[in-house]
Amino acid sequence: MPYPIWIRLEYRNDVGRIVGFTGSIQSETALRDVLERYEITRERLVSVWINGKAYPTSKLDRFFSKI
């Protein structure tokens, strides 16, 4: 996927409330940093939007299997 991208992550926090992150990601390393900083795991993700389009679950599974 070409970078930079605009990403919207919706995920469940520690108490189960859905919260979100929206930002410009410059590289895969930057995306991994965001996931780590906000403690976002595949199990907690509710939805992912990249450049305004929903990101398929199958691609999410592949991405998380790499990290």
Protein backbone atom coordinates (compact mmCIF):
# COMPACT_ATOMS: atom_id res chain seq x y z
CA MET A 1 0.00 0.00 0.00
CA PRO A 2 1.43 3.41 -0.90
CA TYR A 3 2.08 5.81 1.96
CA PRO A 4 1.11 8.34 3.24
CA ILE A 5 -2.45 7.25 4.02
CA TRP A 6 -5.30 8.65 6.06
CA ILE A 7 -6.54 6.07 8.51
CA ARG A 8 -9.51 5.82 10.84
CA LEU A 9 -9.35 3.08 13.48
CA GLU A 10 -12.32 2.29 15.69
CA TYR A 11 -11.55 -0.08 18.53
CA ARG A 12 -12.68 -1.11 22.00
CA ASN A 13 -10.71 0.30 24.89
CA ASP A 14 -9.98 -1.46 28.20
CA VAL A 15 -13.53 -0.98 29.47
CA GLY A 16 -15.19 -2.02 26.19
CA ARG A 17 -16.12 1.45 24.97
CA ILE A 18 -15.62 2.10 21.25
CA VAL A 19 -13.10 4.87 20.68
CA GLY A 20 -11.23 6.00 17.60
CA PHE A 21 -8.03 7.27 16.08
CA THR A 22 -7.82 9.32 12.90
CA GLY A 23 -4.52 10.39 11.42
CA SER A 24 -2.05 10.45 8.57
CA ILE A 25 0.30 7.48 8.56
CA GLN A 26 3.63 7.87 6.79
CA SER A 27 4.89 4.26 6.90
CA GLU A 28 4.14 0.78 8.15
CA THR A 29 6.45 1.49 11.10
CA ALA A 30 4.35 4.54 12.00
CA LEU A 31 1.20 2.39 11.86
CA ARG A 32 2.78 -0.20 14.16
CA ASP A 33 3.73 2.62 16.56
CA VAL A 34 0.12 3.84 16.69
CA LEU A 35 -1.17 0.32 17.31
CA GLU A 36 1.32 -0.15 20.13
CA ARG A 37 0.76 3.29 21.68
CA TYR A 38 -3.02 2.82 21.87
CA GLU A 39 -2.76 -0.91 22.66
CA ILE A 40 -4.85 -1.82 19.61
CA THR A 41 -5.00 -5.53 18.86
CA ARG A 42 -6.84 -7.36 16.10
CA GLU A 43 -9.40 -8.55 18.64
CA ARG A 44 -10.16 -4.98 19.76
CA LEU A 45 -10.58 -3.51 16.26
CA VAL A 46 -14.15 -2.72 15.26
CA SER A 47 -13.48 -1.03 11.91
CA VAL A 48 -10.66 0.33 9.78
CA TRP A 49 -11.00 2.94 7.06
CA ILE A 50 -8.09 3.84 4.79
CA ASN A 51 -8.34 6.91 2.56
CA GLY A 52 -12.10 6.93 3.11
CA LYS A 53 -12.70 3.28 2.20
CA ALA A 54 -13.45 0.34 4.47
CA TYR A 55 -10.47 -2.01 4.77
CA PRO A 56 -11.36 -5.70 4.23
CA THR A 57 -11.15 -8.06 7.20
CA SER A 58 -9.04 -10.54 5.22
CA LYS A 59 -6.32 -7.92 4.71
CA LEU A 60 -6.44 -7.00 8.39
CA ASP A 61 -5.87 -10.63 9.32
CA ARG A 62 -2.85 -10.78 7.00
CA PHE A 63 -1.40 -7.56 8.42
CA PHE A 64 -1.76 -8.70 12.02
CA SER A 65 -0.28 -12.11 11.24
CA LYS A 66 2.91 -10.29 10.14
CA ILE A 67 3.33 -8.30 13.36
